[in-house]
Amino acid sequence: GIMKRFRGGTRCVNPEDNLQAQALLPTSVQVALEDLYGTGLVQRTELDGKVIAQLSDLDEEAALDAVARFQTSRLSHVTNRSGFLVGIINKIKSEKAAAQSPA
């Protein structure tokens, strides 16, 4: 339940699972994520496998756009950074769907 997923107010994420999921992403997206981790804006353990899987559902350009938007966001007020990135991914998906639908 909830107690298994949360310890001390932070999510428990297995970094090895994230690395395996991240390895399935295009190389450019993997590099962008590593750069993001390197900035210190987000720790590897803050992004769970679900958000990595959602990134892999996007094409390469859209996934890079999602990481770039996340990196340029003001994250000081964001407590759930994984959820915030999911929101960005969902917004990109809806923008792409709107652009593809006939006007």
N, C-alpha and C. Protein backbone atom coordinates (compact mmCIF):
# COMPACT_ATOMS: atom_id res chain seq x y z
N GLY A 1 0.80 -1.17 0.00
CA GLY A 1 0.00 0.00 0.00
C GLY A 1 0.86 1.25 0.00
N ILE A 2 0.29 2.27 0.52
CA ILE A 2 0.93 3.59 0.53
C ILE A 2 2.21 3.57 1.33
N MET A 3 2.23 2.88 2.45
CA MET A 3 3.42 2.88 3.30
C MET A 3 4.63 2.24 2.60
N LYS A 4 4.37 1.30 1.70
CA LYS A 4 5.48 0.69 0.97
C LYS A 4 6.06 1.66 -0.05
N ARG A 5 5.21 2.54 -0.60
CA ARG A 5 5.66 3.45 -1.64
C ARG A 5 6.27 4.72 -1.08
N PHE A 6 5.96 5.04 0.15
CA PHE A 6 6.46 6.28 0.73
C PHE A 6 7.27 5.99 1.98
N ARG A 7 8.43 6.60 2.06
CA ARG A 7 9.26 6.54 3.27
C ARG A 7 9.78 7.94 3.52
N GLY A 8 9.49 8.47 4.67
CA GLY A 8 10.00 9.80 4.99
C GLY A 8 9.50 10.88 4.04
N GLY A 9 8.33 10.69 3.46
CA GLY A 9 7.76 11.69 2.58
C GLY A 9 8.26 11.63 1.14
N THR A 10 9.13 10.71 0.80
CA THR A 10 9.60 10.61 -0.58
C THR A 10 9.23 9.25 -1.15
N ARG A 11 9.09 9.20 -2.44
CA ARG A 11 8.74 7.95 -3.09
C ARG A 11 9.95 7.03 -3.11
N CYS A 12 9.68 5.76 -2.98
CA CYS A 12 10.75 4.77 -3.05
C CYS A 12 10.81 4.26 -4.49
N VAL A 13 11.85 4.62 -5.18
CA VAL A 13 12.02 4.22 -6.56
C VAL A 13 13.30 3.42 -6.66
N ASN A 14 13.23 2.29 -7.33
CA ASN A 14 14.42 1.47 -7.52
C ASN A 14 15.20 2.02 -8.71
N PRO A 15 16.39 2.61 -8.46
CA PRO A 15 17.15 3.20 -9.56
C PRO A 15 17.49 2.22 -10.67
N GLU A 16 17.68 0.93 -10.34
CA GLU A 16 17.99 -0.06 -11.36
C GLU A 16 16.82 -0.23 -12.33
N ASP A 17 15.60 -0.20 -11.83
CA ASP A 17 14.42 -0.29 -12.70
C ASP A 17 14.38 0.90 -13.65
N ASN A 18 14.71 2.09 -13.12
CA ASN A 18 14.72 3.29 -13.95
C ASN A 18 15.79 3.19 -15.04
N LEU A 19 16.96 2.67 -14.69
CA LEU A 19 18.03 2.53 -15.68
C LEU A 19 17.62 1.58 -16.79
N GLN A 20 16.94 0.49 -16.43
CA GLN A 20 16.49 -0.47 -17.43
C GLN A 20 15.44 0.17 -18.34
N ALA A 21 14.50 0.90 -17.74
CA ALA A 21 13.46 1.56 -18.53
C ALA A 21 14.08 2.66 -19.40
N GLN A 22 15.02 3.39 -18.83
CA GLN A 22 15.66 4.49 -19.55
C GLN A 22 16.47 3.97 -20.74
N ALA A 23 17.02 2.76 -20.62
CA ALA A 23 17.82 2.18 -21.70
C ALA A 23 16.98 1.93 -22.95
N LEU A 24 15.66 1.87 -22.81
CA LEU A 24 14.78 1.65 -23.95
C LEU A 24 14.48 2.94 -24.71
N LEU A 25 14.84 4.07 -24.14
CA LEU A 25 14.59 5.37 -24.78
C LEU A 25 15.63 5.62 -25.87
N PRO A 26 15.31 6.47 -26.85
CA PRO A 26 16.32 6.86 -27.83
C PRO A 26 17.54 7.47 -27.13
N THR A 27 18.70 7.31 -27.72
CA THR A 27 19.95 7.78 -27.10
C THR A 27 19.90 9.26 -26.76
N SER A 28 19.35 10.07 -27.65
CA SER A 28 19.31 11.51 -27.39
C SER A 28 18.47 11.83 -26.16
N VAL A 29 17.40 11.07 -25.94
CA VAL A 29 16.54 11.29 -24.77
C VAL A 29 17.27 10.82 -23.51
N GLN A 30 18.00 9.70 -23.61
CA GLN A 30 18.80 9.23 -22.47
C GLN A 30 19.82 10.29 -22.08
N VAL A 31 20.48 10.88 -23.06
CA VAL A 31 21.48 11.93 -22.79
C VAL A 31 20.81 13.14 -22.14
N ALA A 32 19.64 13.52 -22.64
CA ALA A 32 18.92 14.67 -22.07
C ALA A 32 18.54 14.40 -20.61
N LEU A 33 18.11 13.18 -20.31
CA LEU A 33 17.79 12.83 -18.92
C LEU A 33 19.04 12.86 -18.04
N GLU A 34 20.14 12.33 -18.55
CA GLU A 34 21.39 12.35 -17.77
C GLU A 34 21.83 13.80 -17.51
N ASP A 35 21.68 14.66 -18.52
CA ASP A 35 22.00 16.08 -18.33
C ASP A 35 21.09 16.70 -17.26
N LEU A 36 19.82 16.31 -17.30
CA LEU A 36 18.86 16.80 -16.30
C LEU A 36 19.27 16.37 -14.90
N TYR A 37 19.65 15.10 -14.75
CA TYR A 37 20.11 14.63 -13.44
C TYR A 37 21.37 15.37 -13.02
N GLY A 38 22.24 15.65 -13.98
CA GLY A 38 23.49 16.34 -13.69
C GLY A 38 23.31 17.77 -13.20
N THR A 39 22.19 18.40 -13.59
CA THR A 39 21.93 19.78 -13.14
C THR A 39 21.56 19.82 -11.66
N GLY A 40 21.10 18.69 -11.13
CA GLY A 40 20.66 18.66 -9.74
C GLY A 40 19.21 19.10 -9.56
N LEU A 41 18.53 19.44 -10.66
CA LEU A 41 17.13 19.85 -10.57
C LEU A 41 16.24 18.70 -10.10
N VAL A 42 16.64 17.50 -10.48
CA VAL A 42 15.87 16.31 -10.11
C VAL A 42 16.86 15.17 -9.88
N GLN A 43 16.55 14.35 -8.90
CA GLN A 43 17.38 13.18 -8.62
C GLN A 43 16.81 12.00 -9.40
N ARG A 44 17.67 11.08 -9.74
CA ARG A 44 17.25 9.88 -10.47
C ARG A 44 16.11 9.16 -9.74
N THR A 45 16.13 9.17 -8.42
CA THR A 45 15.12 8.46 -7.63
C THR A 45 13.78 9.19 -7.59
N GLU A 46 13.74 10.44 -8.07
CA GLU A 46 12.48 11.19 -8.06
C GLU A 46 11.59 10.86 -9.25
N LEU A 47 12.16 10.30 -10.30
CA LEU A 47 11.37 9.93 -11.48
C LEU A 47 11.16 8.44 -11.48
N ASP A 48 9.89 8.02 -11.39
CA ASP A 48 9.63 6.58 -11.33
C ASP A 48 9.53 5.97 -12.73
N GLY A 49 9.46 4.67 -12.76
CA GLY A 49 9.42 3.94 -14.02
C GLY A 49 8.24 4.30 -14.90
N LYS A 50 7.13 4.71 -14.29
CA LYS A 50 5.94 5.07 -15.07
C LYS A 50 6.20 6.29 -15.94
N VAL A 51 6.90 7.27 -15.39
CA VAL A 51 7.17 8.47 -16.18
C VAL A 51 8.18 8.17 -17.28
N ILE A 52 9.14 7.29 -17.00
CA ILE A 52 10.09 6.88 -18.04
C ILE A 52 9.35 6.13 -19.14
N ALA A 53 8.41 5.27 -18.76
CA ALA A 53 7.61 4.52 -19.74
C ALA A 53 6.77 5.47 -20.59
N GLN A 54 6.21 6.52 -19.97
CA GLN A 54 5.42 7.48 -20.73
C GLN A 54 6.29 8.25 -21.70
N LEU A 55 7.53 8.55 -21.29
CA LEU A 55 8.47 9.20 -22.23
C LEU A 55 8.71 8.30 -23.44
N SER A 56 8.80 7.00 -23.20
CA SER A 56 9.08 6.07 -24.31
C SER A 56 7.88 5.96 -25.25
N ASP A 57 6.68 6.34 -24.80
CA ASP A 57 5.50 6.34 -25.66
C ASP A 57 5.53 7.48 -26.67
N LEU A 58 6.31 8.51 -26.37
CA LEU A 58 6.41 9.67 -27.27
C LEU A 58 7.46 9.41 -28.35
N ASP A 59 7.34 10.12 -29.47
CA ASP A 59 8.42 10.04 -30.44
C ASP A 59 9.61 10.82 -29.88
N GLU A 60 10.75 10.66 -30.51
CA GLU A 60 11.99 11.23 -29.98
C GLU A 60 11.91 12.74 -29.80
N GLU A 61 11.39 13.43 -30.79
CA GLU A 61 11.29 14.89 -30.73
C GLU A 61 10.40 15.34 -29.57
N ALA A 62 9.27 14.69 -29.40
CA ALA A 62 8.34 15.05 -28.33
C ALA A 62 8.94 14.74 -26.95
N ALA A 63 9.65 13.62 -26.84
CA ALA A 63 10.28 13.26 -25.56
C ALA A 63 11.36 14.29 -25.20
N LEU A 64 12.14 14.70 -26.19
CA LEU A 64 13.15 15.74 -25.93
C LEU A 64 12.48 17.05 -25.53
N ASP A 65 11.36 17.38 -26.16
CA ASP A 65 10.61 18.59 -25.82
C ASP A 65 10.12 18.51 -24.37
N ALA A 66 9.63 17.33 -23.96
CA ALA A 66 9.13 17.16 -22.59
C ALA A 66 10.26 17.37 -21.58
N VAL A 67 11.42 16.79 -21.83
CA VAL A 67 12.55 16.96 -20.91
C VAL A 67 13.00 18.42 -20.88
N ALA A 68 13.02 19.07 -22.05
CA ALA A 68 13.42 20.48 -22.11
C ALA A 68 12.44 21.37 -21.35
N ARG A 69 11.14 21.13 -21.53
CA ARG A 69 10.13 21.92 -20.79
C ARG A 69 10.28 21.71 -19.29
N PHE A 70 10.51 20.47 -18.91
CA PHE A 70 10.69 20.16 -17.49
C PHE A 70 11.90 20.90 -16.94
N GLN A 71 12.99 20.89 -17.69
CA GLN A 71 14.24 21.50 -17.23
C GLN A 71 14.12 23.01 -17.11
N THR A 72 13.30 23.64 -17.95
CA THR A 72 13.16 25.09 -17.90
C THR A 72 12.03 25.56 -16.98
N SER A 73 11.33 24.63 -16.36
CA SER A 73 10.24 24.98 -15.44
C SER A 73 10.80 25.41 -14.09
N ARG A 74 10.01 26.24 -13.40
CA ARG A 74 10.37 26.61 -12.03
C ARG A 74 9.92 25.47 -11.12
N LEU A 75 10.87 24.70 -10.64
CA LEU A 75 10.55 23.49 -9.88
C LEU A 75 10.60 23.68 -8.37
N SER A 76 10.89 24.90 -7.92
CA SER A 76 11.05 25.11 -6.48
C SER A 76 9.76 24.82 -5.71
N HIS A 77 8.62 25.00 -6.35
CA HIS A 77 7.33 24.77 -5.70
C HIS A 77 6.76 23.37 -5.97
N VAL A 78 7.45 22.57 -6.78
CA VAL A 78 6.94 21.26 -7.18
C VAL A 78 7.44 20.19 -6.21
N THR A 79 6.50 19.52 -5.56
CA THR A 79 6.89 18.46 -4.63
C THR A 79 6.93 17.09 -5.30
N ASN A 80 6.06 16.87 -6.29
CA ASN A 80 6.03 15.60 -7.00
C ASN A 80 6.55 15.85 -8.42
N ARG A 81 7.84 15.76 -8.58
CA ARG A 81 8.45 16.08 -9.87
C ARG A 81 8.12 15.04 -10.93
N SER A 82 7.95 13.81 -10.52
CA SER A 82 7.55 12.76 -11.45
C SER A 82 6.16 13.08 -12.01
N GLY A 83 5.24 13.44 -11.14
CA GLY A 83 3.89 13.80 -11.56
C GLY A 83 3.87 15.04 -12.43
N PHE A 84 4.74 15.99 -12.12
CA PHE A 84 4.85 17.20 -12.91
C PHE A 84 5.29 16.88 -14.33
N LEU A 85 6.27 16.00 -14.47
CA LEU A 85 6.74 15.59 -15.81
C LEU A 85 5.65 14.83 -16.55
N VAL A 86 4.88 14.01 -15.86
CA VAL A 86 3.75 13.32 -16.49
C VAL A 86 2.76 14.35 -17.04
N GLY A 87 2.53 15.41 -16.29
CA GLY A 87 1.64 16.48 -16.76
C GLY A 87 2.15 17.12 -18.03
N ILE A 88 3.45 17.36 -18.10
CA ILE A 88 4.06 17.92 -19.31
C ILE A 88 3.88 16.96 -20.48
N ILE A 89 4.13 15.68 -20.23
CA ILE A 89 3.98 14.65 -21.28
C ILE A 89 2.54 14.62 -21.78
N ASN A 90 1.57 14.65 -20.86
CA ASN A 90 0.16 14.63 -21.26
C ASN A 90 -0.20 15.87 -22.07
N LYS A 91 0.36 17.03 -21.70
CA LYS A 91 0.09 18.26 -22.43
C LYS A 91 0.64 18.15 -23.85
N ILE A 92 1.84 17.60 -23.99
CA ILE A 92 2.43 17.42 -25.32
C ILE A 92 1.59 16.47 -26.16
N LYS A 93 1.12 15.38 -25.54
CA LYS A 93 0.26 14.44 -26.27
C LYS A 93 -1.00 15.12 -26.76
N SER A 94 -1.64 15.94 -25.91
CA SER A 94 -2.88 16.60 -26.31
C SER A 94 -2.60 17.67 -27.38
N GLU A 95 -1.44 18.35 -27.30
CA GLU A 95 -1.08 19.33 -28.34
C GLU A 95 -0.89 18.63 -29.68
N LYS A 96 -0.23 17.47 -29.66
CA LYS A 96 -0.01 16.72 -30.91
C LYS A 96 -1.33 16.23 -31.48
N ALA A 97 -2.22 15.77 -30.61
CA ALA A 97 -3.52 15.29 -31.08
C ALA A 97 -4.33 16.42 -31.68
N ALA A 98 -4.27 17.61 -31.06
CA ALA A 98 -5.00 18.77 -31.58
C ALA A 98 -4.43 19.22 -32.93
N ALA A 99 -3.12 19.14 -33.07
CA ALA A 99 -2.47 19.55 -34.32
C ALA A 99 -2.78 18.59 -35.46
N GLN A 100 -3.03 17.32 -35.12
CA GLN A 100 -3.29 16.31 -36.15
C GLN A 100 -4.76 16.23 -36.54
N SER A 101 -5.65 16.74 -35.69
CA SER A 101 -7.07 16.66 -36.02
C SER A 101 -7.43 17.77 -37.01
N PRO A 102 -8.31 17.47 -37.94
CA PRO A 102 -8.71 18.49 -38.92
C PRO A 102 -9.46 19.63 -38.25
N ALA A 103 -9.22 20.82 -38.71
CA ALA A 103 -9.84 22.02 -38.11
C ALA A 103 -11.23 22.25 -38.60
